[in-house]
Amino acid sequence: MQIKNSNVTVIVTSIDKSIDFYTKVLGLKLALRIPGKFEFAVIEAPGTTIGLNPIQRNLQPGRCESLSIGFGVDSLEKSMEELNSKGVRFDNSIIIEGPVKISHFTDPDKNPLYLIQTTQDPQIK
């Protein structure tokens, strides 16, 4: 077996609202949208693919605390400021661990997301 690619599937309540968030707010690309009974959308992010899947099979959005999607950025503070201007609210904490800075937020369905900045400097300024 050889794995050709991978994705993360996010359970959402509204495909339209979620597509708007991931494309217009986060600036990612809508790669595919399948309409109909088993509606599904594919969002392209650098290094991964995010599948948006409306609620099916008793799965509930925002209830997966053991899974989150991270987006790497050059400047955590600048990226947070930009997303704040688009209505994104962060949990008001920036976690600094060695060369990593992280801040958490959610999509419209409360699915956990985070921004991450890494540097070679073990004490990020």
PDB file of N, CA and C in Angstrom:
ATOM      1  N   MET A   1       0.839  -1.183   0.000  1.00  0.00           N
ATOM      2  CA  MET A   1       0.000   0.000   0.000  1.00  0.00           C
ATOM      3  C   MET A   1       0.882   1.243   0.000  1.00  0.00           C
ATOM      4  N   GLN A   2       0.493   2.207  -0.810  1.00  0.00           N
ATOM      5  CA  GLN A   2       1.164   3.502  -0.804  1.00  0.00           C
ATOM      6  C   GLN A   2       0.099   4.580  -0.697  1.00  0.00           C
ATOM      7  N   ILE A   3       0.158   5.377   0.353  1.00  0.00           N
ATOM      8  CA  ILE A   3      -0.804   6.456   0.539  1.00  0.00           C
ATOM      9  C   ILE A   3      -0.468   7.570  -0.441  1.00  0.00           C
ATOM     10  N   LYS A   4      -1.472   8.009  -1.205  1.00  0.00           N
ATOM     11  CA  LYS A   4      -1.252   9.029  -2.230  1.00  0.00           C
ATOM     12  C   LYS A   4      -1.483  10.440  -1.716  1.00  0.00           C
ATOM     13  N   ASN A   5      -2.407  10.610  -0.801  1.00  0.00           N
ATOM     14  CA  ASN A   5      -2.685  11.933  -0.240  1.00  0.00           C
ATOM     15  C   ASN A   5      -3.464  11.755   1.055  1.00  0.00           C
ATOM     16  N   SER A   6      -3.780  12.860   1.704  1.00  0.00           N
ATOM     17  CA  SER A   6      -4.542  12.778   2.949  1.00  0.00           C
ATOM     18  C   SER A   6      -5.437  14.000   3.069  1.00  0.00           C
ATOM     19  N   ASN A   7      -6.437  13.870   3.931  1.00  0.00           N
ATOM     20  CA  ASN A   7      -7.313  14.994   4.204  1.00  0.00           C
ATOM     21  C   ASN A   7      -7.846  14.910   5.617  1.00  0.00           C
ATOM     22  N   VAL A   8      -8.461  15.992   6.029  1.00  0.00           N
ATOM     23  CA  VAL A   8      -9.151  16.070   7.305  1.00  0.00           C
ATOM     24  C   VAL A   8     -10.603  16.391   6.964  1.00  0.00           C
ATOM     25  N   THR A   9     -11.540  15.657   7.522  1.00  0.00           N
ATOM     26  CA  THR A   9     -12.953  15.947   7.283  1.00  0.00           C
ATOM     27  C   THR A   9     -13.523  16.655   8.502  1.00  0.00           C
ATOM     28  N   VAL A  10     -14.221  17.745   8.248  1.00  0.00           N
ATOM     29  CA  VAL A  10     -14.827  18.547   9.298  1.00  0.00           C
ATOM     30  C   VAL A  10     -16.342  18.467   9.137  1.00  0.00           C
ATOM     31  N   ILE A  11     -17.029  18.061  10.186  1.00  0.00           N
ATOM     32  CA  ILE A  11     -18.491  17.975  10.168  1.00  0.00           C
ATOM     33  C   ILE A  11     -19.039  19.378  10.444  1.00  0.00           C
ATOM     34  N   VAL A  12     -19.955  19.845   9.581  1.00  0.00           N
ATOM     35  CA  VAL A  12     -20.473  21.216   9.675  1.00  0.00           C
ATOM     36  C   VAL A  12     -21.994  21.211   9.621  1.00  0.00           C
ATOM     37  N   THR A  13     -22.592  22.290  10.097  1.00  0.00           N
ATOM     38  CA  THR A  13     -24.050  22.409  10.044  1.00  0.00           C
ATOM     39  C   THR A  13     -24.524  23.051   8.754  1.00  0.00           C
ATOM     40  N   SER A  14     -23.736  23.952   8.178  1.00  0.00           N
ATOM     41  CA  SER A  14     -24.111  24.646   6.944  1.00  0.00           C
ATOM     42  C   SER A  14     -22.923  24.653   5.989  1.00  0.00           C
ATOM     43  N   ILE A  15     -23.080  23.986   4.869  1.00  0.00           N
ATOM     44  CA  ILE A  15     -21.986  23.925   3.901  1.00  0.00           C
ATOM     45  C   ILE A  15     -21.684  25.318   3.354  1.00  0.00           C
ATOM     46  N   ASP A  16     -22.710  26.124   3.102  1.00  0.00           N
ATOM     47  CA  ASP A  16     -22.499  27.474   2.566  1.00  0.00           C
ATOM     48  C   ASP A  16     -21.738  28.360   3.555  1.00  0.00           C
ATOM     49  N   LYS A  17     -22.180  28.347   4.797  1.00  0.00           N
ATOM     50  CA  LYS A  17     -21.526  29.146   5.836  1.00  0.00           C
ATOM     51  C   LYS A  17     -20.067  28.706   6.035  1.00  0.00           C
ATOM     52  N   SER A  18     -19.836  27.414   5.993  1.00  0.00           N
ATOM     53  CA  SER A  18     -18.483  26.895   6.190  1.00  0.00           C
ATOM     54  C   SER A  18     -17.576  27.202   4.999  1.00  0.00           C
ATOM     55  N   ILE A  19     -18.100  27.081   3.786  1.00  0.00           N
ATOM     56  CA  ILE A  19     -17.310  27.435   2.611  1.00  0.00           C
ATOM     57  C   ILE A  19     -16.928  28.912   2.685  1.00  0.00           C
ATOM     58  N   ASP A  20     -17.878  29.778   3.046  1.00  0.00           N
ATOM     59  CA  ASP A  20     -17.574  31.208   3.190  1.00  0.00           C
ATOM     60  C   ASP A  20     -16.465  31.438   4.213  1.00  0.00           C
ATOM     61  N   PHE A  21     -16.534  30.757   5.361  1.00  0.00           N
ATOM     62  CA  PHE A  21     -15.531  30.942   6.405  1.00  0.00           C
ATOM     63  C   PHE A  21     -14.149  30.495   5.919  1.00  0.00           C
ATOM     64  N   TYR A  22     -14.054  29.295   5.408  1.00  0.00           N
ATOM     65  CA  TYR A  22     -12.748  28.760   5.028  1.00  0.00           C
ATOM     66  C   TYR A  22     -12.149  29.465   3.805  1.00  0.00           C
ATOM     67  N   THR A  23     -13.001  29.974   2.902  1.00  0.00           N
ATOM     68  CA  THR A  23     -12.468  30.660   1.722  1.00  0.00           C
ATOM     69  C   THR A  23     -12.353  32.165   1.927  1.00  0.00           C
ATOM     70  N   LYS A  24     -13.415  32.815   2.370  1.00  0.00           N
ATOM     71  CA  LYS A  24     -13.399  34.277   2.481  1.00  0.00           C
ATOM     72  C   LYS A  24     -12.673  34.776   3.728  1.00  0.00           C
ATOM     73  N   VAL A  25     -12.840  34.101   4.843  1.00  0.00           N
ATOM     74  CA  VAL A  25     -12.193  34.554   6.086  1.00  0.00           C
ATOM     75  C   VAL A  25     -10.754  34.051   6.159  1.00  0.00           C
ATOM     76  N   LEU A  26     -10.545  32.755   5.942  1.00  0.00           N
ATOM     77  CA  LEU A  26      -9.192  32.197   6.044  1.00  0.00           C
ATOM     78  C   LEU A  26      -8.413  32.298   4.740  1.00  0.00           C
ATOM     79  N   GLY A  27      -9.084  32.580   3.631  1.00  0.00           N
ATOM     80  CA  GLY A  27      -8.392  32.766   2.361  1.00  0.00           C
ATOM     81  C   GLY A  27      -7.941  31.484   1.675  1.00  0.00           C
ATOM     82  N   LEU A  28      -8.565  30.360   2.010  1.00  0.00           N
ATOM     83  CA  LEU A  28      -8.222  29.095   1.379  1.00  0.00           C
ATOM     84  C   LEU A  28      -9.046  28.926   0.099  1.00  0.00           C
ATOM     85  N   LYS A  29      -8.722  27.911  -0.699  1.00  0.00           N
ATOM     86  CA  LYS A  29      -9.337  27.727  -2.010  1.00  0.00           C
ATOM     87  C   LYS A  29     -10.369  26.602  -1.994  1.00  0.00           C
ATOM     88  N   LEU A  30     -11.547  26.885  -2.552  1.00  0.00           N
ATOM     89  CA  LEU A  30     -12.552  25.849  -2.754  1.00  0.00           C
ATOM     90  C   LEU A  30     -12.133  25.034  -3.976  1.00  0.00           C
ATOM     91  N   ALA A  31     -11.824  23.760  -3.781  1.00  0.00           N
ATOM     92  CA  ALA A  31     -11.353  22.911  -4.873  1.00  0.00           C
ATOM     93  C   ALA A  31     -12.497  22.145  -5.528  1.00  0.00           C
ATOM     94  N   LEU A  32     -13.527  21.805  -4.746  1.00  0.00           N
ATOM     95  CA  LEU A  32     -14.600  20.966  -5.255  1.00  0.00           C
ATOM     96  C   LEU A  32     -15.827  21.131  -4.375  1.00  0.00           C
ATOM     97  N   ARG A  33     -16.986  21.156  -5.022  1.00  0.00           N
ATOM     98  CA  ARG A  33     -18.237  21.138  -4.271  1.00  0.00           C
ATOM     99  C   ARG A  33     -19.168  20.158  -4.951  1.00  0.00           C
ATOM    100  N   ILE A  34     -19.636  19.194  -4.190  1.00  0.00           N
ATOM    101  CA  ILE A  34     -20.539  18.183  -4.708  1.00  0.00           C
ATOM    102  C   ILE A  34     -21.920  18.460  -4.120  1.00  0.00           C
ATOM    103  N   PRO A  35     -22.873  18.874  -4.959  1.00  0.00           N
ATOM    104  CA  PRO A  35     -24.216  19.144  -4.458  1.00  0.00           C
ATOM    105  C   PRO A  35     -25.036  17.859  -4.331  1.00  0.00           C
ATOM    106  N   GLY A  36     -26.220  17.993  -3.781  1.00  0.00           N
ATOM    107  CA  GLY A  36     -27.131  16.857  -3.728  1.00  0.00           C
ATOM    108  C   GLY A  36     -27.295  16.277  -2.343  1.00  0.00           C
ATOM    109  N   LYS A  37     -27.831  15.069  -2.314  1.00  0.00           N
ATOM    110  CA  LYS A  37     -28.149  14.403  -1.050  1.00  0.00           C
ATOM    111  C   LYS A  37     -26.923  14.226  -0.154  1.00  0.00           C
ATOM    112  N   PHE A  38     -25.789  13.880  -0.746  1.00  0.00           N
ATOM    113  CA  PHE A  38     -24.559  13.681   0.025  1.00  0.00           C
ATOM    114  C   PHE A  38     -23.589  14.821  -0.254  1.00  0.00           C
ATOM    115  N   GLU A  39     -24.069  16.042  -0.035  1.00  0.00           N
ATOM    116  CA  GLU A  39     -23.287  17.248  -0.305  1.00  0.00           C
ATOM    117  C   GLU A  39     -21.951  17.214   0.428  1.00  0.00           C
ATOM    118  N   PHE A  40     -20.933  17.731  -0.246  1.00  0.00           N
ATOM    119  CA  PHE A  40     -19.580  17.698   0.295  1.00  0.00           C
ATOM    120  C   PHE A  40     -18.781  18.788  -0.393  1.00  0.00           C
ATOM    121  N   ALA A  41     -17.821  19.378   0.297  1.00  0.00           N
ATOM    122  CA  ALA A  41     -16.937  20.374  -0.315  1.00  0.00           C
ATOM    123  C   ALA A  41     -15.505  20.054   0.082  1.00  0.00           C
ATOM    124  N   VAL A  42     -14.587  20.412  -0.799  1.00  0.00           N
ATOM    125  CA  VAL A  42     -13.165  20.201  -0.546  1.00  0.00           C
ATOM    126  C   VAL A  42     -12.471  21.551  -0.587  1.00  0.00           C
ATOM    127  N   ILE A  43     -11.768  21.859   0.491  1.00  0.00           N
ATOM    128  CA  ILE A  43     -11.018  23.098   0.626  1.00  0.00           C
ATOM    129  C   ILE A  43      -9.531  22.745   0.571  1.00  0.00           C
ATOM    130  N   GLU A  44      -8.789  23.458  -0.263  1.00  0.00           N
ATOM    131  CA  GLU A  44      -7.343  23.230  -0.339  1.00  0.00           C
ATOM    132  C   GLU A  44      -6.624  24.191   0.599  1.00  0.00           C
ATOM    133  N   ALA A  45      -5.788  23.624   1.439  1.00  0.00           N
ATOM    134  CA  ALA A  45      -4.931  24.392   2.333  1.00  0.00           C
ATOM    135  C   ALA A  45      -3.501  23.935   2.058  1.00  0.00           C
ATOM    136  N   PRO A  46      -2.517  24.788   2.296  1.00  0.00           N
ATOM    137  CA  PRO A  46      -1.138  24.354   2.056  1.00  0.00           C
ATOM    138  C   PRO A  46      -0.826  23.089   2.866  1.00  0.00           C
ATOM    139  N   GLY A  47      -0.446  22.033   2.165  1.00  0.00           N
ATOM    140  CA  GLY A  47      -0.039  20.807   2.836  1.00  0.00           C
ATOM    141  C   GLY A  47      -1.154  19.867   3.232  1.00  0.00           C
ATOM    142  N   THR A  48      -2.413  20.263   3.058  1.00  0.00           N
ATOM    143  CA  THR A  48      -3.511  19.362   3.423  1.00  0.00           C
ATOM    144  C   THR A  48      -4.773  19.729   2.664  1.00  0.00           C
ATOM    145  N   THR A  49      -5.727  18.854   2.712  1.00  0.00           N
ATOM    146  CA  THR A  49      -7.041  19.083   2.131  1.00  0.00           C
ATOM    147  C   THR A  49      -8.059  18.952   3.254  1.00  0.00           C
ATOM    148  N   ILE A  50      -9.033  19.861   3.267  1.00  0.00           N
ATOM    149  CA  ILE A  50     -10.074  19.845   4.290  1.00  0.00           C
ATOM    150  C   ILE A  50     -11.396  19.522   3.616  1.00  0.00           C
ATOM    151  N   GLY A  51     -12.011  18.432   4.037  1.00  0.00           N
ATOM    152  CA  GLY A  51     -13.331  18.078   3.535  1.00  0.00           C
ATOM    153  C   GLY A  51     -14.393  18.658   4.450  1.00  0.00           C
ATOM    154  N   LEU A  52     -15.376  19.339   3.887  1.00  0.00           N
ATOM    155  CA  LEU A  52     -16.497  19.876   4.662  1.00  0.00           C
ATOM    156  C   LEU A  52     -17.698  18.981   4.403  1.00  0.00           C
ATOM    157  N   ASN A  53     -18.231  18.405   5.465  1.00  0.00           N
ATOM    158  CA  ASN A  53     -19.293  17.423   5.348  1.00  0.00           C
ATOM    159  C   ASN A  53     -20.451  17.816   6.252  1.00  0.00           C
ATOM    160  N   PRO A  54     -21.636  18.099   5.666  1.00  0.00           N
ATOM    161  CA  PRO A  54     -22.784  18.408   6.518  1.00  0.00           C
ATOM    162  C   PRO A  54     -23.108  17.244   7.442  1.00  0.00           C
ATOM    163  N   ILE A  55     -23.779  17.554   8.533  1.00  0.00           N
ATOM    164  CA  ILE A  55     -24.103  16.553   9.557  1.00  0.00           C
ATOM    165  C   ILE A  55     -24.766  15.331   8.936  1.00  0.00           C
ATOM    166  N   GLN A  56     -24.176  14.173   9.194  1.00  0.00           N
ATOM    167  CA  GLN A  56     -24.709  12.888   8.750  1.00  0.00           C
ATOM    168  C   GLN A  56     -24.327  11.844   9.791  1.00  0.00           C
ATOM    169  N   ARG A  57     -25.018  10.750   9.786  1.00  0.00           N
ATOM    170  CA  ARG A  57     -24.666   9.580  10.608  1.00  0.00           C
ATOM    171  C   ARG A  57     -24.432   9.919  12.081  1.00  0.00           C
ATOM    172  N   ASN A  58     -25.227  10.811  12.640  1.00  0.00           N
ATOM    173  CA  ASN A  58     -25.159  11.164  14.060  1.00  0.00           C
ATOM    174  C   ASN A  58     -23.849  11.808  14.487  1.00  0.00           C
ATOM    175  N   LEU A  59     -23.037  12.261  13.546  1.00  0.00           N
ATOM    176  CA  LEU A  59     -21.825  12.994  13.900  1.00  0.00           C
ATOM    177  C   LEU A  59     -22.201  14.436  14.211  1.00  0.00           C
ATOM    178  N   GLN A  60     -21.561  15.031  15.175  1.00  0.00           N
ATOM    179  CA  GLN A  60     -21.878  16.391  15.591  1.00  0.00           C
ATOM    180  C   GLN A  60     -20.673  17.306  15.401  1.00  0.00           C
ATOM    181  N   PRO A  61     -20.889  18.515  14.888  1.00  0.00           N
ATOM    182  CA  PRO A  61     -19.772  19.455  14.721  1.00  0.00           C
ATOM    183  C   PRO A  61     -19.270  19.977  16.058  1.00  0.00           C
ATOM    184  N   GLY A  62     -18.007  20.342  16.091  1.00  0.00           N
ATOM    185  CA  GLY A  62     -17.442  20.994  17.265  1.00  0.00           C
ATOM    186  C   GLY A  62     -17.278  20.132  18.493  1.00  0.00           C
ATOM    187  N   ARG A  63     -17.349  18.826  18.390  1.00  0.00           N
ATOM    188  CA  ARG A  63     -17.249  17.961  19.561  1.00  0.00           C
ATOM    189  C   ARG A  63     -16.058  17.027  19.470  1.00  0.00           C
ATOM    190  N   CYS A  64     -14.988  17.506  18.884  1.00  0.00           N
ATOM    191  CA  CYS A  64     -13.796  16.671  18.683  1.00  0.00           C
ATOM    192  C   CYS A  64     -12.591  17.341  19.335  1.00  0.00           C
ATOM    193  N   GLU A  65     -12.605  17.434  20.642  1.00  0.00           N
ATOM    194  CA  GLU A  65     -11.538  18.144  21.339  1.00  0.00           C
ATOM    195  C   GLU A  65     -10.171  17.506  21.146  1.00  0.00           C
ATOM    196  N   SER A  66     -10.130  16.271  20.717  1.00  0.00           N
ATOM    197  CA  SER A  66      -8.836  15.621  20.513  1.00  0.00           C
ATOM    198  C   SER A  66      -8.284  15.834  19.107  1.00  0.00           C
ATOM    199  N   LEU A  67      -8.976  16.614  18.291  1.00  0.00           N
ATOM    200  CA  LEU A  67      -8.540  16.885  16.930  1.00  0.00           C
ATOM    201  C   LEU A  67      -8.703  18.365  16.643  1.00  0.00           C
ATOM    202  N   SER A  68      -7.701  18.970  16.032  1.00  0.00           N
ATOM    203  CA  SER A  68      -7.816  20.357  15.590  1.00  0.00           C
ATOM    204  C   SER A  68      -6.986  20.534  14.335  1.00  0.00           C
ATOM    205  N   ILE A  69      -7.250  21.603  13.597  1.00  0.00           N
ATOM    206  CA  ILE A  69      -6.518  21.895  12.373  1.00  0.00           C
ATOM    207  C   ILE A  69      -5.672  23.128  12.621  1.00  0.00           C
ATOM    208  N   GLY A  70      -4.376  23.029  12.337  1.00  0.00           N
ATOM    209  CA  GLY A  70      -3.463  24.149  12.524  1.00  0.00           C
ATOM    210  C   GLY A  70      -3.051  24.749  11.191  1.00  0.00           C
ATOM    211  N   PHE A  71      -2.884  26.073  11.181  1.00  0.00           N
ATOM    212  CA  PHE A  71      -2.455  26.795   9.999  1.00  0.00           C
ATOM    213  C   PHE A  71      -1.186  27.563  10.337  1.00  0.00           C
ATOM    214  N   GLY A  72      -0.080  27.235   9.664  1.00  0.00           N
ATOM    215  CA  GLY A  72       1.192  27.903   9.900  1.00  0.00           C
ATOM    216  C   GLY A  72       1.193  29.306   9.313  1.00  0.00           C
ATOM    217  N   VAL A  73       1.719  30.264  10.069  1.00  0.00           N
ATOM    218  CA  VAL A  73       1.792  31.664   9.638  1.00  0.00           C
ATOM    219  C   VAL A  73       3.181  32.213   9.940  1.00  0.00           C
ATOM    220  N   ASP A  74       3.542  33.313   9.251  1.00  0.00           N
ATOM    221  CA  ASP A  74       4.825  33.961   9.502  1.00  0.00           C
ATOM    222  C   ASP A  74       4.793  34.811  10.764  1.00  0.00           C
ATOM    223  N   SER A  75       3.670  35.504  10.993  1.00  0.00           N
ATOM    224  CA  SER A  75       3.533  36.363  12.171  1.00  0.00           C
ATOM    225  C   SER A  75       2.200  36.083  12.839  1.00  0.00           C
ATOM    226  N   LEU A  76       2.249  35.524  14.025  1.00  0.00           N
ATOM    227  CA  LEU A  76       1.034  35.181  14.751  1.00  0.00           C
ATOM    228  C   LEU A  76       0.193  36.427  15.028  1.00  0.00           C
ATOM    229  N   GLU A  77       0.812  37.483  15.553  1.00  0.00           N
ATOM    230  CA  GLU A  77       0.069  38.679  15.924  1.00  0.00           C
ATOM    231  C   GLU A  77      -0.593  39.344  14.717  1.00  0.00           C
ATOM    232  N   LYS A  78       0.136  39.470  13.608  1.00  0.00           N
ATOM    233  CA  LYS A  78      -0.437  40.087  12.400  1.00  0.00           C
ATOM    234  C   LYS A  78      -1.582  39.246  11.853  1.00  0.00           C
ATOM    235  N   SER A  79      -1.417  37.946  11.858  1.00  0.00           N
ATOM    236  CA  SER A  79      -2.470  37.057  11.358  1.00  0.00           C
ATOM    237  C   SER A  79      -3.701  37.119  12.260  1.00  0.00           C
ATOM    238  N   MET A  80      -3.491  37.167  13.570  1.00  0.00           N
ATOM    239  CA  MET A  80      -4.611  37.280  14.499  1.00  0.00           C
ATOM    240  C   MET A  80      -5.351  38.600  14.276  1.00  0.00           C
ATOM    241  N   GLU A  81      -4.611  39.663  14.073  1.00  0.00           N
ATOM    242  CA  GLU A  81      -5.210  40.975  13.841  1.00  0.00           C
ATOM    243  C   GLU A  81      -6.068  40.952  12.567  1.00  0.00           C
ATOM    244  N   GLU A  82      -5.536  40.354  11.504  1.00  0.00           N
ATOM    245  CA  GLU A  82      -6.283  40.263  10.247  1.00  0.00           C
ATOM    246  C   GLU A  82      -7.565  39.452  10.413  1.00  0.00           C
ATOM    247  N   LEU A  83      -7.469  38.306  11.080  1.00  0.00           N
ATOM    248  CA  LEU A  83      -8.657  37.482  11.284  1.00  0.00           C
ATOM    249  C   LEU A  83      -9.646  38.131  12.240  1.00  0.00           C
ATOM    250  N   ASN A  84      -9.141  38.855  13.255  1.00  0.00           N
ATOM    251  CA  ASN A  84     -10.040  39.594  14.150  1.00  0.00           C
ATOM    252  C   ASN A  84     -10.885  40.588  13.363  1.00  0.00           C
ATOM    253  N   SER A  85     -10.268  41.241  12.369  1.00  0.00           N
ATOM    254  CA  SER A  85     -10.998  42.222  11.555  1.00  0.00           C
ATOM    255  C   SER A  85     -12.082  41.564  10.714  1.00  0.00           C
ATOM    256  N   LYS A  86     -11.994  40.243  10.547  1.00  0.00           N
ATOM    257  CA  LYS A  86     -13.006  39.493   9.798  1.00  0.00           C
ATOM    258  C   LYS A  86     -13.986  38.782  10.724  1.00  0.00           C
ATOM    259  N   GLY A  87     -13.930  39.095  12.011  1.00  0.00           N
ATOM    260  CA  GLY A  87     -14.885  38.535  12.958  1.00  0.00           C
ATOM    261  C   GLY A  87     -14.443  37.295  13.704  1.00  0.00           C
ATOM    262  N   VAL A  88     -13.226  36.830  13.476  1.00  0.00           N
ATOM    263  CA  VAL A  88     -12.728  35.647  14.185  1.00  0.00           C
ATOM    264  C   VAL A  88     -12.315  36.059  15.597  1.00  0.00           C
ATOM    265  N   ARG A  89     -12.719  35.278  16.574  1.00  0.00           N
ATOM    266  CA  ARG A  89     -12.355  35.548  17.961  1.00  0.00           C
ATOM    267  C   ARG A  89     -11.453  34.426  18.464  1.00  0.00           C
ATOM    268  N   PHE A  90     -10.331  34.839  19.034  1.00  0.00           N
ATOM    269  CA  PHE A  90      -9.367  33.891  19.591  1.00  0.00           C
ATOM    270  C   PHE A  90      -9.658  33.708  21.069  1.00  0.00           C
ATOM    271  N   ASP A  91      -9.075  32.668  21.655  1.00  0.00           N
ATOM    272  CA  ASP A  91      -9.344  32.384  23.071  1.00  0.00           C
ATOM    273  C   ASP A  91      -8.563  33.293  24.017  1.00  0.00           C
ATOM    274  N   ASN A  92      -7.998  34.378  23.488  1.00  0.00           N
ATOM    275  CA  ASN A  92      -7.312  35.415  24.267  1.00  0.00           C
ATOM    276  C   ASN A  92      -6.021  34.965  24.916  1.00  0.00           C
ATOM    277  N   SER A  93      -5.474  33.865  24.466  1.00  0.00           N
ATOM    278  CA  SER A  93      -4.175  33.462  25.002  1.00  0.00           C
ATOM    279  C   SER A  93      -3.253  33.076  23.862  1.00  0.00           C
ATOM    280  N   ILE A  94      -2.006  33.407  24.036  1.00  0.00           N
ATOM    281  CA  ILE A  94      -0.980  32.972  23.105  1.00  0.00           C
ATOM    282  C   ILE A  94      -0.064  32.043  23.880  1.00  0.00           C
ATOM    283  N   ILE A  95       0.052  30.826  23.406  1.00  0.00           N
ATOM    284  CA  ILE A  95       0.898  29.836  24.072  1.00  0.00           C
ATOM    285  C   ILE A  95       2.286  29.908  23.440  1.00  0.00           C
ATOM    286  N   ILE A  96       3.299  30.056  24.269  1.00  0.00           N
ATOM    287  CA  ILE A  96       4.684  30.088  23.791  1.00  0.00           C
ATOM    288  C   ILE A  96       5.416  28.916  24.420  1.00  0.00           C
ATOM    289  N   GLU A  97       5.913  28.043  23.565  1.00  0.00           N
ATOM    290  CA  GLU A  97       6.682  26.880  24.010  1.00  0.00           C
ATOM    291  C   GLU A  97       7.937  26.806  23.161  1.00  0.00           C
ATOM    292  N   GLY A  98       9.063  27.243  23.691  1.00  0.00           N
ATOM    293  CA  GLY A  98      10.311  27.226  22.923  1.00  0.00           C
ATOM    294  C   GLY A  98      10.157  28.033  21.648  1.00  0.00           C
ATOM    295  N   PRO A  99      10.399  27.414  20.490  1.00  0.00           N
ATOM    296  CA  PRO A  99      10.335  28.160  19.224  1.00  0.00           C
ATOM    297  C   PRO A  99       8.933  28.218  18.600  1.00  0.00           C
ATOM    298  N   VAL A 100       7.889  27.939  19.380  1.00  0.00           N
ATOM    299  CA  VAL A 100       6.529  27.865  18.838  1.00  0.00           C
ATOM    300  C   VAL A 100       5.596  28.821  19.576  1.00  0.00           C
ATOM    301  N   LYS A 101       4.755  29.534  18.797  1.00  0.00           N
ATOM    302  CA  LYS A 101       3.676  30.362  19.339  1.00  0.00           C
ATOM    303  C   LYS A 101       2.373  29.884  18.705  1.00  0.00           C
ATOM    304  N   ILE A 102       1.355  29.680  19.531  1.00  0.00           N
ATOM    305  CA  ILE A 102       0.076  29.157  19.064  1.00  0.00           C
ATOM    306  C   ILE A 102      -1.055  29.975  19.656  1.00  0.00           C
ATOM    307  N   SER A 103      -2.113  30.182  18.861  1.00  0.00           N
ATOM    308  CA  SER A 103      -3.344  30.780  19.371  1.00  0.00           C
ATOM    309  C   SER A 103      -4.529  30.040  18.761  1.00  0.00           C
ATOM    310  N   HIS A 104      -5.501  29.710  19.602  1.00  0.00           N
ATOM    311  CA  HIS A 104      -6.645  28.891  19.196  1.00  0.00           C
ATOM    312  C   HIS A 104      -7.879  29.731  18.880  1.00  0.00           C
ATOM    313  N   PHE A 105      -8.667  29.237  17.925  1.00  0.00           N
ATOM    314  CA  PHE A 105      -9.960  29.822  17.569  1.00  0.00           C
ATOM    315  C   PHE A 105     -10.834  28.705  17.019  1.00  0.00           C
ATOM    316  N   THR A 106     -12.043  29.014  16.591  1.00  0.00           N
ATOM    317  CA  THR A 106     -12.936  27.995  16.053  1.00  0.00           C
ATOM    318  C   THR A 106     -13.561  28.479  14.753  1.00  0.00           C
ATOM    319  N   ASP A 107     -14.096  27.514  14.000  1.00  0.00           N
ATOM    320  CA  ASP A 107     -14.874  27.870  12.818  1.00  0.00           C
ATOM    321  C   ASP A 107     -16.309  28.142  13.269  1.00  0.00           C
ATOM    322  N   PRO A 108     -17.237  28.449  12.356  1.00  0.00           N
ATOM    323  CA  PRO A 108     -18.611  28.766  12.775  1.00  0.00           C
ATOM    324  C   PRO A 108     -19.320  27.659  13.542  1.00  0.00           C
ATOM    325  N   ASP A 109     -18.868  26.400  13.404  1.00  0.00           N
ATOM    326  CA  ASP A 109     -19.471  25.283  14.135  1.00  0.00           C
ATOM    327  C   ASP A 109     -18.712  24.915  15.403  1.00  0.00           C
ATOM    328  N   LYS A 110     -17.763  25.755  15.790  1.00  0.00           N
ATOM    329  CA  LYS A 110     -16.953  25.543  16.997  1.00  0.00           C
ATOM    330  C   LYS A 110     -15.951  24.408  16.847  1.00  0.00           C
ATOM    331  N   ASN A 111     -15.634  24.023  15.605  1.00  0.00           N
ATOM    332  CA  ASN A 111     -14.567  23.049  15.386  1.00  0.00           C
ATOM    333  C   ASN A 111     -13.243  23.729  15.707  1.00  0.00           C
ATOM    334  N   PRO A 112     -12.359  23.083  16.454  1.00  0.00           N
ATOM    335  CA  PRO A 112     -11.129  23.717  16.911  1.00  0.00           C
ATOM    336  C   PRO A 112     -10.082  23.908  15.809  1.00  0.00           C
ATOM    337  N   LEU A 113      -9.572  25.137  15.731  1.00  0.00           N
ATOM    338  CA  LEU A 113      -8.531  25.511  14.781  1.00  0.00           C
ATOM    339  C   LEU A 113      -7.460  26.279  15.540  1.00  0.00           C
ATOM    340  N   TYR A 114      -6.285  26.402  14.954  1.00  0.00           N
ATOM    341  CA  TYR A 114      -5.262  27.242  15.581  1.00  0.00           C
ATOM    342  C   TYR A 114      -4.297  27.781  14.542  1.00  0.00           C
ATOM    343  N   LEU A 115      -3.675  28.906  14.882  1.00  0.00           N
ATOM    344  CA  LEU A 115      -2.575  29.468  14.108  1.00  0.00           C
ATOM    345  C   LEU A 115      -1.297  29.109  14.835  1.00  0.00           C
ATOM    346  N   ILE A 116      -0.236  28.820  14.067  1.00  0.00           N
ATOM    347  CA  ILE A 116       1.039  28.482  14.683  1.00  0.00           C
ATOM    348  C   ILE A 116       2.167  29.195  13.951  1.00  0.00           C
ATOM    349  N   GLN A 117       3.044  29.823  14.735  1.00  0.00           N
ATOM    350  CA  GLN A 117       4.258  30.473  14.221  1.00  0.00           C
ATOM    351  C   GLN A 117       5.433  29.747  14.815  1.00  0.00           C
ATOM    352  N   THR A 118       6.369  29.352  13.950  1.00  0.00           N
ATOM    353  CA  THR A 118       7.592  28.728  14.456  1.00  0.00           C
ATOM    354  C   THR A 118       8.799  29.544  14.012  1.00  0.00           C
ATOM    355  N   THR A 119       9.834  29.462  14.795  1.00  0.00           N
ATOM    356  CA  THR A 119      11.071  30.186  14.503  1.00  0.00           C
ATOM    357  C   THR A 119      12.246  29.359  15.015  1.00  0.00           C
ATOM    358  N   GLN A 120      13.433  29.692  14.588  1.00  0.00           N
ATOM    359  CA  GLN A 120      14.624  29.013  15.082  1.00  0.00           C
ATOM    360  C   GLN A 120      15.012  29.516  16.472  1.00  0.00           C
ATOM    361  N   ASP A 121      14.529  30.716  16.829  1.00  0.00           N
ATOM    362  CA  ASP A 121      14.841  31.312  18.114  1.00  0.00           C
ATOM    363  C   ASP A 121      14.029  30.611  19.216  1.00  0.00           C
ATOM    364  N   PRO A 122      14.667  29.968  20.197  1.00  0.00           N
ATOM    365  CA  PRO A 122      13.928  29.257  21.231  1.00  0.00           C
ATOM    366  C   PRO A 122      13.093  30.167  22.137  1.00  0.00           C
ATOM    367  N   GLN A 123      13.355  31.451  22.132  1.00  0.00           N
ATOM    368  CA  GLN A 123      12.555  32.397  22.921  1.00  0.00           C
ATOM    369  C   GLN A 123      11.952  33.433  21.963  1.00  0.00           C
ATOM    370  N   ILE A 124      10.805  33.089  21.381  1.00  0.00           N
ATOM    371  CA  ILE A 124      10.160  33.960  20.391  1.00  0.00           C
ATOM    372  C   ILE A 124       9.821  35.293  21.039  1.00  0.00           C
ATOM    373  N   LYS A 125      10.060  36.322  20.303  1.00  0.00           N
ATOM    374  CA  LYS A 125       9.731  37.683  20.783  1.00  0.00           C
ATOM    375  C   LYS A 125       8.419  38.117  20.206  1.00  0.00           C
TER     376      LYS A 125
END
